Amino acid sequence: MILVTLILGALGFFYFSAATPHLKGKAIYIIISLLLLGGSVLAIVANDNYHYGMKVTESKTTQKLVSTSDKLNILVYQKLGSAGKEKLFIYKTSPNQKKALTTKADLKVKSQVKTTTKDAYVEIKTEKYVYKNQLSRLFFSILGDNHRTKAKEYTFYTNREWLVLSAKQAQTLPVILQKQGDNLQRQIALDVKERLTETVKANPQLDKMQLAELQQAYIKEAQVSAIKKLLK
């Protein structure tokens, strides 16, 4: 609709200023045409630059975080720019995914990592511009700016069983594990044994099944802790 008013204003201005030299009230028609033309241009600029006629809606999705590695729980990121402050994260939300997902390298997109005591997950918040009402939709729908993204934020929640590594660290990790494998396993075994002993003393009522579950969790946490020390 806005393009229609723009064209009508332009045609009206041309018609009344050039094609009808002797028309009565010509000045009034020219002014009306100019107002229609100028108003349409201003509305288009305001919509494009300042989102005139739009409102912001927010949506939030939460998905389970799955490691891109088969052996360890790893969240990988790639540093962007010379300063390396911006990061592009590589992740999965299903073990059946053949291709990993990545956050976008965009000024509108922000990513961060936080810790949780729950299972790892990713929370994605999206803000989009949508038409404020039906009148705005009528005027501006031809511009195709509905559902334009204003901002997107990825928050990755990882627990003590996860490693957050740069792409470079993830690349060198297999080499480090191969060299330090024996020492690493000994350290992990000692840490797990120590924690299990403390747990049994504090909770003597735990049965074998509960202790076995705790042992598996302690092993994963000890692996992460030991690898972090090696990567420092």
C-alpha atoms as a PDB file:
ATOM      1  CA  MET A   1       0.000   0.000   0.000  1.00  0.00           C
ATOM      2  CA  ILE A   2       2.813   2.425   0.826  1.00  0.00           C
ATOM      3  CA  LEU A   3       4.263   2.013  -2.666  1.00  0.00           C
ATOM      4  CA  VAL A   4       0.830   2.738  -4.132  1.00  0.00           C
ATOM      5  CA  THR A   5       0.590   6.037  -2.227  1.00  0.00           C
ATOM      6  CA  LEU A   6       4.171   6.839  -3.269  1.00  0.00           C
ATOM      7  CA  ILE A   7       3.369   6.272  -6.953  1.00  0.00           C
ATOM      8  CA  LEU A   8       0.078   8.175  -6.711  1.00  0.00           C
ATOM      9  CA  GLY A   9       1.846  11.107  -5.086  1.00  0.00           C
ATOM     10  CA  ALA A  10       4.550  11.162  -7.768  1.00  0.00           C
ATOM     11  CA  LEU A  11       2.068  10.849 -10.638  1.00  0.00           C
ATOM     12  CA  GLY A  12      -0.236  13.446  -9.097  1.00  0.00           C
ATOM     13  CA  PHE A  13       2.606  15.937  -8.679  1.00  0.00           C
ATOM     14  CA  PHE A  14       3.699  15.449 -12.294  1.00  0.00           C
ATOM     15  CA  TYR A  15       0.146  15.621 -13.630  1.00  0.00           C
ATOM     16  CA  PHE A  16      -0.976  18.711 -11.744  1.00  0.00           C
ATOM     17  CA  SER A  17       2.281  20.648 -12.136  1.00  0.00           C
ATOM     18  CA  ALA A  18       3.040  19.911 -15.794  1.00  0.00           C
ATOM     19  CA  ALA A  19       0.128  18.314 -17.612  1.00  0.00           C
ATOM     20  CA  THR A  20      -2.671  20.684 -16.496  1.00  0.00           C
ATOM     21  CA  PRO A  21      -1.360  24.271 -16.759  1.00  0.00           C
ATOM     22  CA  HIS A  22      -4.838  25.920 -16.636  1.00  0.00           C
ATOM     23  CA  LEU A  23      -6.507  23.751 -13.974  1.00  0.00           C
ATOM     24  CA  LYS A  24      -8.352  25.700 -11.257  1.00  0.00           C
ATOM     25  CA  GLY A  25      -7.055  25.053  -7.755  1.00  0.00           C
ATOM     26  CA  LYS A  26      -3.896  23.609  -9.251  1.00  0.00           C
ATOM     27  CA  ALA A  27      -1.724  24.710  -6.311  1.00  0.00           C
ATOM     28  CA  ILE A  28      -3.892  22.817  -3.833  1.00  0.00           C
ATOM     29  CA  TYR A  29      -3.655  19.599  -5.875  1.00  0.00           C
ATOM     30  CA  ILE A  30       0.114  20.002  -6.160  1.00  0.00           C
ATOM     31  CA  ILE A  31       0.440  20.480  -2.391  1.00  0.00           C
ATOM     32  CA  ILE A  32      -1.726  17.410  -1.730  1.00  0.00           C
ATOM     33  CA  SER A  33       0.376  15.362  -4.174  1.00  0.00           C
ATOM     34  CA  LEU A  34       3.596  16.564  -2.547  1.00  0.00           C
ATOM     35  CA  LEU A  35       2.280  15.721   0.914  1.00  0.00           C
ATOM     36  CA  LEU A  36       1.301  12.252  -0.288  1.00  0.00           C
ATOM     37  CA  LEU A  37       4.678  11.750  -1.972  1.00  0.00           C
ATOM     38  CA  GLY A  38       6.736  13.163   0.899  1.00  0.00           C
ATOM     39  CA  GLY A  39       4.699  11.354   3.548  1.00  0.00           C
ATOM     40  CA  SER A  40       5.157   8.038   1.745  1.00  0.00           C
ATOM     41  CA  VAL A  41       8.928   8.541   1.459  1.00  0.00           C
ATOM     42  CA  LEU A  42       9.194   9.506   5.139  1.00  0.00           C
ATOM     43  CA  ALA A  43       7.081   6.512   6.179  1.00  0.00           C
ATOM     44  CA  ILE A  44       9.290   4.116   4.184  1.00  0.00           C
ATOM     45  CA  VAL A  45      12.474   5.618   5.675  1.00  0.00           C
ATOM     46  CA  ALA A  46      11.005   5.553   9.197  1.00  0.00           C
ATOM     47  CA  ASN A  47       9.924   1.942   8.774  1.00  0.00           C
ATOM     48  CA  ASP A  48      13.280   0.833   7.387  1.00  0.00           C
ATOM     49  CA  ASN A  49      15.539   2.736   9.806  1.00  0.00           C
ATOM     50  CA  TYR A  50      13.417   3.203  12.925  1.00  0.00           C
ATOM     51  CA  HIS A  51      10.907   0.329  12.561  1.00  0.00           C
ATOM     52  CA  TYR A  52       7.903   2.645  12.376  1.00  0.00           C
ATOM     53  CA  GLY A  53       4.675   0.655  12.551  1.00  0.00           C
ATOM     54  CA  MET A  54       6.440  -2.309  14.147  1.00  0.00           C
ATOM     55  CA  LYS A  55       6.604  -3.822  17.632  1.00  0.00           C
ATOM     56  CA  VAL A  56       9.057  -6.263  19.208  1.00  0.00           C
ATOM     57  CA  THR A  57       8.106  -9.824  20.131  1.00  0.00           C
ATOM     58  CA  GLU A  58      10.323 -12.195  22.118  1.00  0.00           C
ATOM     59  CA  SER A  59      10.504 -15.974  21.931  1.00  0.00           C
ATOM     60  CA  LYS A  60      12.594 -18.423  23.938  1.00  0.00           C
ATOM     61  CA  THR A  61      13.480 -22.029  23.170  1.00  0.00           C
ATOM     62  CA  THR A  62      15.391 -24.503  25.330  1.00  0.00           C
ATOM     63  CA  GLN A  63      17.097 -27.575  23.901  1.00  0.00           C
ATOM     64  CA  LYS A  64      19.267 -30.332  25.314  1.00  0.00           C
ATOM     65  CA  LEU A  65      22.964 -29.827  24.598  1.00  0.00           C
ATOM     66  CA  VAL A  66      24.763 -32.789  23.031  1.00  0.00           C
ATOM     67  CA  SER A  67      28.530 -33.069  22.642  1.00  0.00           C
ATOM     68  CA  THR A  68      30.134 -32.927  19.215  1.00  0.00           C
ATOM     69  CA  SER A  69      32.599 -35.562  20.501  1.00  0.00           C
ATOM     70  CA  ASP A  70      31.797 -39.241  21.055  1.00  0.00           C
ATOM     71  CA  LYS A  71      34.214 -39.630  23.969  1.00  0.00           C
ATOM     72  CA  LEU A  72      33.926 -36.435  26.005  1.00  0.00           C
ATOM     73  CA  ASN A  73      31.325 -33.755  26.638  1.00  0.00           C
ATOM     74  CA  ILE A  74      32.778 -30.845  24.671  1.00  0.00           C
ATOM     75  CA  LEU A  75      31.392 -27.477  23.587  1.00  0.00           C
ATOM     76  CA  VAL A  76      33.647 -25.943  20.936  1.00  0.00           C
ATOM     77  CA  TYR A  77      33.935 -22.292  19.951  1.00  0.00           C
ATOM     78  CA  GLN A  78      35.853 -20.409  17.269  1.00  0.00           C
ATOM     79  CA  LYS A  79      37.221 -16.970  18.122  1.00  0.00           C
ATOM     80  CA  LEU A  80      36.295 -14.221  15.673  1.00  0.00           C
ATOM     81  CA  GLY A  81      38.135 -11.010  14.851  1.00  0.00           C
ATOM     82  CA  SER A  82      41.611  -9.871  15.809  1.00  0.00           C
ATOM     83  CA  ALA A  83      40.660  -9.320  19.459  1.00  0.00           C
ATOM     84  CA  GLY A  84      38.903 -12.675  19.697  1.00  0.00           C
ATOM     85  CA  LYS A  85      36.140 -11.268  21.897  1.00  0.00           C
ATOM     86  CA  GLU A  86      33.341 -12.618  19.724  1.00  0.00           C
ATOM     87  CA  LYS A  87      32.889 -16.375  19.577  1.00  0.00           C
ATOM     88  CA  LEU A  88      31.107 -18.691  17.180  1.00  0.00           C
ATOM     89  CA  PHE A  89      29.910 -21.834  18.980  1.00  0.00           C
ATOM     90  CA  ILE A  90      29.612 -25.280  17.407  1.00  0.00           C
ATOM     91  CA  TYR A  91      27.086 -27.574  19.064  1.00  0.00           C
ATOM     92  CA  LYS A  92      24.474 -30.310  18.724  1.00  0.00           C
ATOM     93  CA  THR A  93      21.019 -30.738  20.226  1.00  0.00           C
ATOM     94  CA  SER A  94      20.531 -34.396  19.279  1.00  0.00           C
ATOM     95  CA  PRO A  95      22.867 -37.416  19.172  1.00  0.00           C
ATOM     96  CA  ASN A  96      21.355 -38.290  15.778  1.00  0.00           C
ATOM     97  CA  GLN A  97      22.465 -35.025  14.188  1.00  0.00           C
ATOM     98  CA  LYS A  98      24.983 -35.673  11.428  1.00  0.00           C
ATOM     99  CA  LYS A  99      25.907 -32.017  11.037  1.00  0.00           C
ATOM    100  CA  ALA A 100      26.655 -29.745  13.986  1.00  0.00           C
ATOM    101  CA  LEU A 101      24.889 -26.406  14.410  1.00  0.00           C
ATOM    102  CA  THR A 102      26.706 -23.084  14.704  1.00  0.00           C
ATOM    103  CA  THR A 103      25.789 -19.719  16.108  1.00  0.00           C
ATOM    104  CA  LYS A 104      25.820 -16.919  13.546  1.00  0.00           C
ATOM    105  CA  ALA A 105      28.630 -14.406  13.127  1.00  0.00           C
ATOM    106  CA  ASP A 106      26.385 -11.350  13.271  1.00  0.00           C
ATOM    107  CA  LEU A 107      26.291  -8.115  15.268  1.00  0.00           C
ATOM    108  CA  LYS A 108      22.715  -8.962  16.240  1.00  0.00           C
ATOM    109  CA  VAL A 109      23.784 -12.308  17.715  1.00  0.00           C
ATOM    110  CA  LYS A 110      25.346 -12.732  21.160  1.00  0.00           C
ATOM    111  CA  SER A 111      26.594 -15.938  22.771  1.00  0.00           C
ATOM    112  CA  GLN A 112      27.629 -16.777  26.320  1.00  0.00           C
ATOM    113  CA  VAL A 113      28.357 -19.762  28.544  1.00  0.00           C
ATOM    114  CA  LYS A 114      27.005 -20.248  32.066  1.00  0.00           C
ATOM    115  CA  THR A 115      27.246 -23.082  34.560  1.00  0.00           C
ATOM    116  CA  THR A 116      24.406 -25.262  35.791  1.00  0.00           C
ATOM    117  CA  THR A 117      23.974 -28.184  38.163  1.00  0.00           C
ATOM    118  CA  LYS A 118      21.429 -29.719  35.780  1.00  0.00           C
ATOM    119  CA  ASP A 119      22.008 -31.493  32.474  1.00  0.00           C
ATOM    120  CA  ALA A 120      23.625 -29.285  29.832  1.00  0.00           C
ATOM    121  CA  TYR A 121      21.292 -27.304  27.593  1.00  0.00           C
ATOM    122  CA  VAL A 122      21.163 -24.286  25.294  1.00  0.00           C
ATOM    123  CA  GLU A 123      18.670 -21.463  25.656  1.00  0.00           C
ATOM    124  CA  ILE A 124      17.957 -19.326  22.585  1.00  0.00           C
ATOM    125  CA  LYS A 125      16.204 -15.970  22.963  1.00  0.00           C
ATOM    126  CA  THR A 126      15.045 -14.211  19.808  1.00  0.00           C
ATOM    127  CA  GLU A 127      13.611 -10.712  19.431  1.00  0.00           C
ATOM    128  CA  LYS A 128      11.828  -9.887  16.174  1.00  0.00           C
ATOM    129  CA  TYR A 129      10.018  -6.936  14.661  1.00  0.00           C
ATOM    130  CA  VAL A 130       6.414  -7.641  13.660  1.00  0.00           C
ATOM    131  CA  TYR A 131       3.618  -5.381  12.436  1.00  0.00           C
ATOM    132  CA  LYS A 132       1.995  -3.411  15.248  1.00  0.00           C
ATOM    133  CA  ASN A 133      -1.523  -3.729  13.816  1.00  0.00           C
ATOM    134  CA  GLN A 134      -3.463  -4.502  10.638  1.00  0.00           C
ATOM    135  CA  LEU A 135      -3.045  -0.934   9.355  1.00  0.00           C
ATOM    136  CA  SER A 136       0.739  -1.248   9.553  1.00  0.00           C
ATOM    137  CA  ARG A 137       0.522  -4.617   7.823  1.00  0.00           C
ATOM    138  CA  LEU A 138      -1.613  -3.073   5.068  1.00  0.00           C
ATOM    139  CA  PHE A 139       0.834  -0.231   4.451  1.00  0.00           C
ATOM    140  CA  PHE A 140       4.210  -1.952   4.881  1.00  0.00           C
ATOM    141  CA  SER A 141       3.722  -5.643   4.035  1.00  0.00           C
ATOM    142  CA  ILE A 142       5.003  -5.076   0.497  1.00  0.00           C
ATOM    143  CA  LEU A 143       8.399  -4.107   1.982  1.00  0.00           C
ATOM    144  CA  GLY A 144       8.799  -7.638   3.393  1.00  0.00           C
ATOM    145  CA  ASP A 145      10.124  -6.564   6.795  1.00  0.00           C
ATOM    146  CA  ASN A 146       7.810  -8.615   9.005  1.00  0.00           C
ATOM    147  CA  HIS A 147       9.613 -10.947  11.458  1.00  0.00           C
ATOM    148  CA  ARG A 148      12.935  -9.196  10.912  1.00  0.00           C
ATOM    149  CA  THR A 149      15.375 -10.209  13.656  1.00  0.00           C
ATOM    150  CA  LYS A 150      16.278  -7.481  16.143  1.00  0.00           C
ATOM    151  CA  ALA A 151      18.524  -9.577  18.395  1.00  0.00           C
ATOM    152  CA  LYS A 152      19.378 -13.190  19.153  1.00  0.00           C
ATOM    153  CA  GLU A 153      21.095 -14.560  22.243  1.00  0.00           C
ATOM    154  CA  TYR A 154      22.497 -18.045  22.786  1.00  0.00           C
ATOM    155  CA  THR A 155      23.173 -19.087  26.381  1.00  0.00           C
ATOM    156  CA  PHE A 156      24.949 -22.422  26.772  1.00  0.00           C
ATOM    157  CA  TYR A 157      24.544 -23.987  30.213  1.00  0.00           C
ATOM    158  CA  THR A 158      27.222 -26.578  30.990  1.00  0.00           C
ATOM    159  CA  ASN A 159      27.875 -28.573  34.163  1.00  0.00           C
ATOM    160  CA  ARG A 160      31.032 -30.021  35.727  1.00  0.00           C
ATOM    161  CA  GLU A 161      31.063 -32.883  33.216  1.00  0.00           C
ATOM    162  CA  TRP A 162      31.610 -30.538  30.260  1.00  0.00           C
ATOM    163  CA  LEU A 163      34.645 -28.947  28.641  1.00  0.00           C
ATOM    164  CA  VAL A 164      34.348 -25.603  26.848  1.00  0.00           C
ATOM    165  CA  LEU A 165      37.243 -25.481  24.374  1.00  0.00           C
ATOM    166  CA  SER A 166      38.436 -23.277  21.568  1.00  0.00           C
ATOM    167  CA  ALA A 167      38.734 -24.924  18.159  1.00  0.00           C
ATOM    168  CA  LYS A 168      42.514 -24.875  18.578  1.00  0.00           C
ATOM    169  CA  GLN A 169      42.337 -26.609  21.974  1.00  0.00           C
ATOM    170  CA  ALA A 170      39.925 -29.214  20.622  1.00  0.00           C
ATOM    171  CA  GLN A 171      42.329 -29.900  17.764  1.00  0.00           C
ATOM    172  CA  THR A 172      45.334 -30.427  20.040  1.00  0.00           C
ATOM    173  CA  LEU A 173      43.441 -32.390  22.703  1.00  0.00           C
ATOM    174  CA  PRO A 174      43.857 -35.870  21.090  1.00  0.00           C
ATOM    175  CA  VAL A 175      47.639 -35.363  20.927  1.00  0.00           C
ATOM    176  CA  ILE A 176      47.788 -34.305  24.582  1.00  0.00           C
ATOM    177  CA  LEU A 177      45.635 -37.245  25.675  1.00  0.00           C
ATOM    178  CA  GLN A 178      47.853 -39.654  23.770  1.00  0.00           C
ATOM    179  CA  LYS A 179      50.993 -38.325  25.462  1.00  0.00           C
ATOM    180  CA  GLN A 180      49.530 -37.972  28.949  1.00  0.00           C
ATOM    181  CA  GLY A 181      47.064 -40.871  28.807  1.00  0.00           C
ATOM    182  CA  ASP A 182      48.601 -43.061  31.528  1.00  0.00           C
ATOM    183  CA  ASN A 183      49.253 -40.196  33.938  1.00  0.00           C
ATOM    184  CA  LEU A 184      45.764 -38.876  33.296  1.00  0.00           C
ATOM    185  CA  GLN A 185      44.102 -42.198  34.090  1.00  0.00           C
ATOM    186  CA  ARG A 186      46.064 -42.549  37.328  1.00  0.00           C
ATOM    187  CA  GLN A 187      45.099 -39.044  38.408  1.00  0.00           C
ATOM    188  CA  ILE A 188      41.443 -39.654  37.562  1.00  0.00           C
ATOM    189  CA  ALA A 189      41.428 -42.951  39.481  1.00  0.00           C
ATOM    190  CA  LEU A 190      42.921 -41.280  42.571  1.00  0.00           C
ATOM    191  CA  ASP A 191      40.454 -38.393  42.452  1.00  0.00           C
ATOM    192  CA  VAL A 192      37.458 -40.701  42.032  1.00  0.00           C
ATOM    193  CA  LYS A 193      38.602 -43.014  44.834  1.00  0.00           C
ATOM    194  CA  GLU A 194      39.074 -40.049  47.166  1.00  0.00           C
ATOM    195  CA  ARG A 195      35.643 -38.611  46.390  1.00  0.00           C
ATOM    196  CA  LEU A 196      33.915 -41.986  46.755  1.00  0.00           C
ATOM    197  CA  THR A 197      35.574 -42.529  50.128  1.00  0.00           C
ATOM    198  CA  GLU A 198      34.376 -39.124  51.325  1.00  0.00           C
ATOM    199  CA  THR A 199      30.885 -39.802  49.983  1.00  0.00           C
ATOM    200  CA  VAL A 200      30.599 -43.168  51.754  1.00  0.00           C
ATOM    201  CA  LYS A 201      31.743 -41.619  55.037  1.00  0.00           C
ATOM    202  CA  ALA A 202      29.197 -38.826  54.731  1.00  0.00           C
ATOM    203  CA  ASN A 203      26.388 -41.072  53.426  1.00  0.00           C
ATOM    204  CA  PRO A 204      26.854 -44.669  54.681  1.00  0.00           C
ATOM    205  CA  GLN A 205      23.252 -45.526  53.743  1.00  0.00           C
ATOM    206  CA  LEU A 206      23.980 -45.416  49.984  1.00  0.00           C
ATOM    207  CA  ASP A 207      23.536 -48.765  48.210  1.00  0.00           C
ATOM    208  CA  LYS A 208      25.740 -50.271  45.477  1.00  0.00           C
ATOM    209  CA  MET A 209      23.593 -48.954  42.612  1.00  0.00           C
ATOM    210  CA  GLN A 210      23.691 -45.397  43.946  1.00  0.00           C
ATOM    211  CA  LEU A 211      27.434 -45.603  44.452  1.00  0.00           C
ATOM    212  CA  ALA A 212      27.900 -46.923  40.913  1.00  0.00           C
ATOM    213  CA  GLU A 213      25.957 -43.951  39.515  1.00  0.00           C
ATOM    214  CA  LEU A 214      28.005 -41.540  41.591  1.00  0.00           C
ATOM    215  CA  GLN A 215      31.210 -43.211  40.463  1.00  0.00           C
ATOM    216  CA  GLN A 216      30.328 -42.643  36.799  1.00  0.00           C
ATOM    217  CA  ALA A 217      29.549 -38.993  37.483  1.00  0.00           C
ATOM    218  CA  TYR A 218      32.791 -38.571  39.445  1.00  0.00           C
ATOM    219  CA  ILE A 219      34.790 -40.144  36.603  1.00  0.00           C
ATOM    220  CA  LYS A 220      33.383 -37.656  34.083  1.00  0.00           C
ATOM    221  CA  GLU A 221      34.017 -34.720  36.403  1.00  0.00           C
ATOM    222  CA  ALA A 222      37.550 -35.928  37.171  1.00  0.00           C
ATOM    223  CA  GLN A 223      38.273 -36.284  33.439  1.00  0.00           C
ATOM    224  CA  VAL A 224      37.166 -32.712  32.800  1.00  0.00           C
ATOM    225  CA  SER A 225      39.152 -31.369  35.743  1.00  0.00           C
ATOM    226  CA  ALA A 226      42.328 -33.221  34.730  1.00  0.00           C
ATOM    227  CA  ILE A 227      42.067 -32.158  31.072  1.00  0.00           C
ATOM    228  CA  LYS A 228      41.542 -28.528  32.062  1.00  0.00           C
ATOM    229  CA  LYS A 229      44.804 -28.650  34.016  1.00  0.00           C
ATOM    230  CA  LEU A 230      46.631 -30.087  31.007  1.00  0.00           C
ATOM    231  CA  LEU A 231      45.280 -27.387  28.700  1.00  0.00           C
ATOM    232  CA  LYS A 232      46.360 -24.485  30.919  1.00  0.00           C
END
